[in-house]
């Protein structure tokens, strides 16, 4: 079960979502994170266009704030990204955040955006915190 105070919705491109489920991508890169990004908190994975659905979940194993040079030097493989794409993403930033994932689980039944709109859900640009209504919907439809 999810609990609102600890549940984060992360929007991730489908190519990276698949790498997460295949256990190739162990870390998600972000320029900014929120206060609830702490070890043990849950993440709902929203796969962006063209999938446009909640497809799974994970736990945050740990969060690290590191230099972009450190990311490029040590974490490209774990992030399933090349140096050029990493530099483009972090353009103008000296630091980034590593969100290490664990207990990754792909839902058997994805929850499409069309259905999510019925509960006033809008896909976050980067991340958002889950409402009680969304948590209930995910528990009912995805965690059977």
N, C-alpha and C. Protein backbone atom coordinates (compact mmCIF):
# COMPACT_ATOMS: atom_id res chain seq x y z
N UNK A 1 0.84 -1.19 0.00
CA UNK A 1 0.00 0.00 0.00
C UNK A 1 0.88 1.25 0.00
N UNK A 2 0.39 2.30 -0.58
CA UNK A 2 1.07 3.59 -0.61
C UNK A 2 0.53 4.48 0.49
N UNK A 3 1.32 5.41 0.93
CA UNK A 3 0.91 6.40 1.91
C UNK A 3 1.27 7.76 1.36
N UNK A 4 0.30 8.67 1.35
CA UNK A 4 0.46 9.96 0.68
C UNK A 4 1.72 10.69 1.09
N UNK A 5 2.01 10.74 2.37
CA UNK A 5 3.13 11.56 2.82
C UNK A 5 4.47 11.09 2.26
N UNK A 6 4.51 9.88 1.73
CA UNK A 6 5.78 9.35 1.26
C UNK A 6 5.78 8.97 -0.22
N UNK A 7 4.71 9.22 -0.93
CA UNK A 7 4.59 8.73 -2.30
C UNK A 7 4.81 9.83 -3.32
N UNK A 8 5.74 9.57 -4.23
CA UNK A 8 6.15 10.53 -5.26
C UNK A 8 5.79 9.94 -6.62
N UNK A 9 5.30 10.77 -7.51
CA UNK A 9 5.06 10.36 -8.89
C UNK A 9 6.20 10.93 -9.72
N UNK A 10 6.93 10.06 -10.41
CA UNK A 10 8.02 10.50 -11.28
C UNK A 10 7.64 10.26 -12.74
N UNK A 11 7.73 11.29 -13.55
CA UNK A 11 7.54 11.16 -14.99
C UNK A 11 8.88 10.77 -15.61
N UNK A 12 8.86 9.66 -16.35
CA UNK A 12 10.09 9.12 -16.94
C UNK A 12 9.78 8.71 -18.38
N UNK A 13 10.71 8.98 -19.28
CA UNK A 13 10.54 8.59 -20.69
C UNK A 13 10.47 7.06 -20.80
N UNK A 14 9.60 6.55 -21.69
CA UNK A 14 9.41 5.10 -21.81
C UNK A 14 10.69 4.29 -22.02
N UNK A 15 11.62 4.81 -22.80
CA UNK A 15 12.87 4.08 -23.03
C UNK A 15 13.61 3.85 -21.71
N UNK A 16 13.59 4.83 -20.83
CA UNK A 16 14.25 4.69 -19.53
C UNK A 16 13.42 3.83 -18.58
N UNK A 17 12.10 3.92 -18.68
CA UNK A 17 11.23 3.08 -17.85
C UNK A 17 11.53 1.61 -18.14
N UNK A 18 11.64 1.27 -19.41
CA UNK A 18 11.91 -0.12 -19.76
C UNK A 18 13.27 -0.57 -19.23
N UNK A 19 14.25 0.31 -19.28
CA UNK A 19 15.58 -0.01 -18.72
C UNK A 19 15.50 -0.22 -17.20
N UNK A 20 14.63 0.53 -16.54
CA UNK A 20 14.43 0.33 -15.09
C UNK A 20 13.84 -1.05 -14.84
N UNK A 21 12.79 -1.41 -15.58
CA UNK A 21 12.16 -2.72 -15.38
C UNK A 21 13.08 -3.87 -15.78
N UNK A 22 13.96 -3.63 -16.73
CA UNK A 22 14.93 -4.65 -17.13
C UNK A 22 16.13 -4.73 -16.18
N UNK A 23 16.12 -3.87 -15.17
CA UNK A 23 17.17 -3.81 -14.14
C UNK A 23 18.52 -3.36 -14.67
N UNK A 24 18.51 -2.66 -15.81
CA UNK A 24 19.73 -2.07 -16.34
C UNK A 24 19.95 -0.67 -15.79
N UNK A 25 18.87 0.06 -15.60
CA UNK A 25 18.93 1.43 -15.08
C UNK A 25 18.65 1.38 -13.59
N UNK A 26 19.68 1.66 -12.80
CA UNK A 26 19.59 1.56 -11.35
C UNK A 26 19.38 2.90 -10.68
N UNK A 27 19.62 3.97 -11.45
CA UNK A 27 19.57 5.31 -10.88
C UNK A 27 18.85 6.25 -11.85
N UNK A 28 18.00 7.08 -11.29
CA UNK A 28 17.31 8.12 -12.06
C UNK A 28 18.01 9.44 -11.79
N UNK A 29 18.28 10.21 -12.82
CA UNK A 29 18.96 11.49 -12.70
C UNK A 29 17.94 12.62 -12.68
N UNK A 30 18.16 13.59 -11.80
CA UNK A 30 17.29 14.76 -11.74
C UNK A 30 18.10 16.00 -11.43
N UNK A 31 17.64 17.14 -11.98
CA UNK A 31 18.26 18.43 -11.67
C UNK A 31 17.80 18.93 -10.32
N UNK A 32 16.54 18.66 -10.01
CA UNK A 32 15.96 19.12 -8.74
C UNK A 32 15.09 18.01 -8.17
N UNK A 33 15.00 17.99 -6.85
CA UNK A 33 14.11 17.04 -6.17
C UNK A 33 13.37 17.79 -5.07
N UNK A 34 12.38 17.14 -4.51
CA UNK A 34 11.60 17.73 -3.43
C UNK A 34 12.01 17.22 -2.06
N UNK A 35 11.36 17.75 -1.05
CA UNK A 35 11.70 17.41 0.34
C UNK A 35 11.41 15.96 0.70
N UNK A 36 10.48 15.34 -0.01
CA UNK A 36 10.10 13.97 0.33
C UNK A 36 10.95 12.92 -0.40
N UNK A 37 11.96 13.35 -1.09
CA UNK A 37 12.87 12.43 -1.76
C UNK A 37 13.89 11.94 -0.74
N UNK A 38 13.50 10.92 0.02
CA UNK A 38 14.38 10.35 1.04
C UNK A 38 14.32 8.82 0.95
N UNK A 39 15.35 8.18 1.44
CA UNK A 39 15.43 6.72 1.42
C UNK A 39 14.18 6.11 2.02
N UNK A 40 13.67 5.09 1.35
CA UNK A 40 12.51 4.36 1.84
C UNK A 40 11.18 4.86 1.30
N UNK A 41 11.16 6.06 0.75
CA UNK A 41 9.90 6.58 0.21
C UNK A 41 9.59 5.92 -1.13
N UNK A 42 8.29 5.83 -1.42
CA UNK A 42 7.85 5.15 -2.63
C UNK A 42 7.73 6.09 -3.81
N UNK A 43 7.97 5.51 -4.97
CA UNK A 43 7.84 6.22 -6.24
C UNK A 43 6.82 5.47 -7.09
N UNK A 44 5.88 6.22 -7.65
CA UNK A 44 4.99 5.70 -8.68
C UNK A 44 5.62 6.12 -10.00
N UNK A 45 5.82 5.16 -10.89
CA UNK A 45 6.46 5.45 -12.18
C UNK A 45 5.39 5.77 -13.22
N UNK A 46 5.45 7.01 -13.73
CA UNK A 46 4.57 7.42 -14.82
C UNK A 46 5.41 7.45 -16.10
N UNK A 47 5.04 6.60 -17.04
CA UNK A 47 5.74 6.53 -18.32
C UNK A 47 5.12 7.56 -19.27
N UNK A 48 5.94 8.48 -19.75
CA UNK A 48 5.46 9.59 -20.57
C UNK A 48 5.07 9.13 -21.98
N UNK A 49 4.76 10.09 -22.83
CA UNK A 49 4.31 9.83 -24.20
C UNK A 49 5.33 8.98 -24.96
N UNK A 50 4.94 8.01 -25.71
CA UNK A 50 3.57 7.72 -26.12
C UNK A 50 2.80 6.78 -25.20
N UNK A 51 3.43 6.24 -24.15
CA UNK A 51 2.76 5.29 -23.26
C UNK A 51 1.66 5.98 -22.45
N UNK A 52 2.00 7.07 -21.79
CA UNK A 52 1.06 7.88 -21.00
C UNK A 52 0.28 7.04 -19.99
N UNK A 53 1.02 6.41 -19.07
CA UNK A 53 0.37 5.56 -18.07
C UNK A 53 1.26 5.37 -16.86
N UNK A 54 0.62 5.09 -15.72
CA UNK A 54 1.35 4.64 -14.54
C UNK A 54 1.61 3.17 -14.77
N UNK A 55 2.88 2.79 -14.72
CA UNK A 55 3.25 1.43 -15.11
C UNK A 55 3.93 0.61 -14.01
N UNK A 56 4.31 1.25 -12.91
CA UNK A 56 5.00 0.51 -11.88
C UNK A 56 5.37 1.36 -10.69
N UNK A 57 6.20 0.78 -9.84
CA UNK A 57 6.61 1.46 -8.62
C UNK A 57 8.03 1.05 -8.25
N UNK A 58 8.60 1.79 -7.33
CA UNK A 58 9.93 1.49 -6.79
C UNK A 58 10.07 2.18 -5.44
N UNK A 59 11.12 1.83 -4.75
CA UNK A 59 11.48 2.53 -3.51
C UNK A 59 12.77 3.30 -3.76
N UNK A 60 12.91 4.39 -3.04
CA UNK A 60 14.17 5.14 -3.09
C UNK A 60 15.15 4.44 -2.15
N UNK A 61 16.24 3.94 -2.70
CA UNK A 61 17.28 3.31 -1.89
C UNK A 61 18.13 4.38 -1.21
N UNK A 62 18.52 5.40 -1.99
CA UNK A 62 19.26 6.53 -1.44
C UNK A 62 19.25 7.66 -2.45
N UNK A 63 19.56 8.85 -1.96
CA UNK A 63 19.66 10.06 -2.77
C UNK A 63 21.07 10.61 -2.60
N UNK A 64 21.67 11.00 -3.71
CA UNK A 64 22.99 11.63 -3.65
C UNK A 64 22.97 12.91 -4.47
N UNK A 65 23.55 13.96 -3.94
CA UNK A 65 23.77 15.20 -4.69
C UNK A 65 25.24 15.20 -5.07
N UNK A 66 25.51 15.16 -6.37
CA UNK A 66 26.89 15.06 -6.84
C UNK A 66 27.10 16.02 -8.01
N UNK A 67 28.35 16.26 -8.33
CA UNK A 67 28.66 17.12 -9.46
C UNK A 67 28.29 16.42 -10.77
N UNK A 68 28.01 17.20 -11.78
CA UNK A 68 27.73 16.64 -13.10
C UNK A 68 28.96 15.88 -13.60
N UNK A 69 30.14 16.38 -13.31
CA UNK A 69 31.37 15.68 -13.69
C UNK A 69 31.44 14.30 -13.03
N UNK A 70 31.00 14.20 -11.77
CA UNK A 70 30.96 12.92 -11.07
C UNK A 70 29.96 11.98 -11.74
N UNK A 71 28.81 12.50 -12.11
CA UNK A 71 27.81 11.68 -12.80
C UNK A 71 28.41 11.13 -14.09
N UNK A 72 29.05 12.01 -14.86
CA UNK A 72 29.64 11.60 -16.14
C UNK A 72 30.79 10.62 -15.93
N UNK A 73 31.58 10.85 -14.90
CA UNK A 73 32.73 9.98 -14.64
C UNK A 73 32.38 8.63 -14.06
N UNK A 74 31.28 8.54 -13.33
CA UNK A 74 31.02 7.30 -12.58
C UNK A 74 29.64 6.66 -12.76
N UNK A 75 28.66 7.38 -13.29
CA UNK A 75 27.29 6.87 -13.20
C UNK A 75 26.53 6.75 -14.52
N UNK A 76 27.17 7.00 -15.65
CA UNK A 76 26.46 6.93 -16.92
C UNK A 76 25.85 5.56 -17.18
N UNK A 77 26.61 4.51 -16.91
CA UNK A 77 26.12 3.15 -17.16
C UNK A 77 24.91 2.83 -16.29
N UNK A 78 24.98 3.18 -15.00
CA UNK A 78 23.85 2.92 -14.10
C UNK A 78 22.62 3.76 -14.43
N UNK A 79 22.82 4.86 -15.15
CA UNK A 79 21.71 5.73 -15.54
C UNK A 79 21.23 5.45 -16.97
N UNK A 80 21.93 4.56 -17.67
CA UNK A 80 21.59 4.21 -19.07
C UNK A 80 21.52 5.46 -19.95
N UNK A 81 22.55 6.28 -19.85
CA UNK A 81 22.61 7.51 -20.63
C UNK A 81 24.04 7.72 -21.10
N UNK A 82 24.21 8.38 -22.23
CA UNK A 82 25.57 8.66 -22.70
C UNK A 82 25.98 10.07 -22.26
N UNK A 83 27.25 10.35 -22.41
CA UNK A 83 27.79 11.63 -21.94
C UNK A 83 27.12 12.83 -22.62
N UNK A 84 26.92 12.74 -23.91
CA UNK A 84 26.32 13.86 -24.64
C UNK A 84 24.91 14.17 -24.12
N UNK A 85 24.10 13.16 -23.95
CA UNK A 85 22.73 13.35 -23.45
C UNK A 85 22.74 13.85 -22.01
N UNK A 86 23.68 13.36 -21.22
CA UNK A 86 23.79 13.79 -19.82
C UNK A 86 24.16 15.27 -19.75
N UNK A 87 25.15 15.67 -20.54
CA UNK A 87 25.55 17.08 -20.55
C UNK A 87 24.40 17.98 -21.04
N UNK A 88 23.66 17.51 -22.03
CA UNK A 88 22.53 18.29 -22.54
C UNK A 88 21.45 18.44 -21.46
N UNK A 89 21.17 17.36 -20.74
CA UNK A 89 20.15 17.40 -19.69
C UNK A 89 20.55 18.36 -18.57
N UNK A 90 21.79 18.28 -18.14
CA UNK A 90 22.26 19.11 -17.02
C UNK A 90 22.84 20.45 -17.48
N UNK A 91 22.63 20.83 -18.71
CA UNK A 91 23.18 22.07 -19.26
C UNK A 91 22.96 23.25 -18.31
N UNK A 92 24.07 23.87 -17.89
CA UNK A 92 23.99 25.01 -17.00
C UNK A 92 23.97 24.66 -15.52
N UNK A 93 23.90 23.38 -15.20
CA UNK A 93 23.91 22.95 -13.80
C UNK A 93 25.26 22.35 -13.46
N UNK A 94 25.74 22.67 -12.27
CA UNK A 94 26.99 22.08 -11.80
C UNK A 94 26.76 20.78 -11.04
N UNK A 95 25.56 20.65 -10.45
CA UNK A 95 25.24 19.50 -9.62
C UNK A 95 23.94 18.85 -10.08
N UNK A 96 23.80 17.59 -9.74
CA UNK A 96 22.57 16.86 -10.03
C UNK A 96 22.30 15.88 -8.90
N UNK A 97 21.16 15.24 -8.97
CA UNK A 97 20.76 14.28 -7.95
C UNK A 97 20.66 12.89 -8.56
N UNK A 98 21.19 11.92 -7.83
CA UNK A 98 21.07 10.52 -8.18
C UNK A 98 19.98 9.93 -7.28
N UNK A 99 18.95 9.39 -7.88
CA UNK A 99 17.90 8.71 -7.13
C UNK A 99 18.11 7.21 -7.37
N UNK A 100 18.70 6.54 -6.39
CA UNK A 100 18.96 5.11 -6.51
C UNK A 100 17.68 4.36 -6.22
N UNK A 101 17.32 3.43 -7.11
CA UNK A 101 16.06 2.70 -7.01
C UNK A 101 16.27 1.28 -6.51
N UNK A 102 15.28 0.79 -5.76
CA UNK A 102 15.28 -0.60 -5.33
C UNK A 102 13.83 -1.10 -5.30
N UNK A 103 13.67 -2.39 -5.16
CA UNK A 103 12.33 -3.01 -5.12
C UNK A 103 11.45 -2.53 -6.26
N UNK A 104 12.02 -2.50 -7.45
CA UNK A 104 11.28 -2.06 -8.64
C UNK A 104 10.26 -3.13 -9.02
N UNK A 105 9.06 -2.68 -9.33
CA UNK A 105 7.97 -3.59 -9.67
C UNK A 105 7.15 -3.01 -10.82
N UNK A 106 7.06 -3.76 -11.90
CA UNK A 106 6.23 -3.35 -13.04
C UNK A 106 4.83 -3.91 -12.85
N UNK A 107 3.82 -3.05 -12.91
CA UNK A 107 2.45 -3.50 -12.74
C UNK A 107 2.02 -4.36 -13.92
N UNK A 108 1.24 -5.38 -13.65
CA UNK A 108 0.67 -6.20 -14.71
C UNK A 108 -0.35 -5.38 -15.50
N UNK A 109 -1.08 -4.53 -14.79
CA UNK A 109 -2.09 -3.67 -15.42
C UNK A 109 -1.68 -2.21 -15.27
N UNK A 110 -1.27 -1.61 -16.36
CA UNK A 110 -0.93 -0.18 -16.33
C UNK A 110 -2.21 0.64 -16.15
N UNK A 111 -2.04 1.84 -15.63
CA UNK A 111 -3.16 2.75 -15.41
C UNK A 111 -3.01 3.91 -16.39
N UNK A 112 -3.79 3.91 -17.49
CA UNK A 112 -3.61 4.92 -18.54
C UNK A 112 -4.06 6.32 -18.12
N UNK A 113 -3.44 7.30 -18.73
CA UNK A 113 -3.75 8.70 -18.43
C UNK A 113 -5.23 9.00 -18.63
N UNK A 114 -5.84 8.43 -19.65
CA UNK A 114 -7.26 8.68 -19.91
C UNK A 114 -8.10 8.32 -18.68
N UNK A 115 -7.78 7.21 -18.05
CA UNK A 115 -8.50 6.79 -16.84
C UNK A 115 -8.12 7.67 -15.65
N UNK A 116 -6.88 8.09 -15.60
CA UNK A 116 -6.41 8.94 -14.50
C UNK A 116 -7.04 10.32 -14.52
N UNK A 117 -7.38 10.79 -15.71
CA UNK A 117 -8.02 12.12 -15.81
C UNK A 117 -9.36 12.16 -15.10
N UNK A 118 -10.01 11.00 -14.93
CA UNK A 118 -11.29 10.95 -14.23
C UNK A 118 -11.16 11.32 -12.75
N UNK A 119 -9.93 11.26 -12.23
CA UNK A 119 -9.70 11.67 -10.84
C UNK A 119 -8.85 12.95 -10.80
N UNK A 120 -8.92 13.70 -11.88
CA UNK A 120 -8.21 14.99 -11.99
C UNK A 120 -6.70 14.87 -11.88
N UNK A 121 -6.16 13.78 -12.39
CA UNK A 121 -4.71 13.60 -12.41
C UNK A 121 -4.16 14.19 -13.70
N UNK A 122 -3.10 14.93 -13.57
CA UNK A 122 -2.37 15.46 -14.72
C UNK A 122 -0.92 15.03 -14.57
N UNK A 123 -0.36 14.52 -15.64
CA UNK A 123 1.02 14.03 -15.60
C UNK A 123 1.96 15.16 -15.21
N UNK A 124 2.81 14.92 -14.21
CA UNK A 124 3.76 15.96 -13.81
C UNK A 124 4.86 16.15 -14.84
N UNK A 125 5.36 17.37 -14.93
CA UNK A 125 6.48 17.66 -15.83
C UNK A 125 7.72 16.86 -15.40
N UNK A 126 7.99 16.84 -14.10
CA UNK A 126 9.12 16.12 -13.56
C UNK A 126 8.67 15.17 -12.45
N UNK A 127 8.09 15.74 -11.39
CA UNK A 127 7.57 14.93 -10.30
C UNK A 127 6.42 15.66 -9.62
N UNK A 128 5.66 14.89 -8.83
CA UNK A 128 4.58 15.45 -8.02
C UNK A 128 4.39 14.50 -6.84
N UNK A 129 3.62 14.94 -5.87
CA UNK A 129 3.27 14.08 -4.75
C UNK A 129 1.88 13.51 -4.99
N UNK A 130 1.71 12.24 -4.68
CA UNK A 130 0.46 11.55 -4.97
C UNK A 130 -0.64 11.95 -3.99
N UNK A 131 -1.83 12.16 -4.53
CA UNK A 131 -3.01 12.44 -3.70
C UNK A 131 -3.56 11.12 -3.15
N UNK A 132 -4.39 11.23 -2.12
CA UNK A 132 -5.04 10.03 -1.58
C UNK A 132 -5.87 9.33 -2.66
N UNK A 133 -6.53 10.12 -3.50
CA UNK A 133 -7.37 9.56 -4.56
C UNK A 133 -6.53 8.76 -5.55
N UNK A 134 -5.38 9.30 -5.93
CA UNK A 134 -4.51 8.58 -6.85
C UNK A 134 -3.98 7.30 -6.21
N UNK A 135 -3.57 7.39 -4.97
CA UNK A 135 -3.05 6.21 -4.27
C UNK A 135 -4.11 5.11 -4.23
N UNK A 136 -5.34 5.50 -3.93
CA UNK A 136 -6.44 4.54 -3.89
C UNK A 136 -6.64 3.89 -5.26
N UNK A 137 -6.61 4.68 -6.31
CA UNK A 137 -6.80 4.18 -7.68
C UNK A 137 -5.68 3.20 -8.05
N UNK A 138 -4.45 3.54 -7.73
CA UNK A 138 -3.32 2.65 -8.02
C UNK A 138 -3.47 1.35 -7.25
N UNK A 139 -3.84 1.44 -5.98
CA UNK A 139 -4.01 0.24 -5.16
C UNK A 139 -5.11 -0.66 -5.72
N UNK A 140 -6.20 -0.06 -6.18
CA UNK A 140 -7.34 -0.83 -6.70
C UNK A 140 -7.05 -1.45 -8.06
N UNK A 141 -6.41 -0.70 -8.95
CA UNK A 141 -6.25 -1.14 -10.34
C UNK A 141 -4.94 -1.87 -10.63
N UNK A 142 -3.90 -1.56 -9.89
CA UNK A 142 -2.58 -2.07 -10.25
C UNK A 142 -2.02 -3.09 -9.26
N UNK A 143 -2.43 -2.99 -8.02
CA UNK A 143 -1.87 -3.88 -6.99
C UNK A 143 -2.90 -4.92 -6.58
N UNK A 144 -3.32 -5.72 -7.53
CA UNK A 144 -4.36 -6.73 -7.30
C UNK A 144 -3.82 -7.92 -6.54
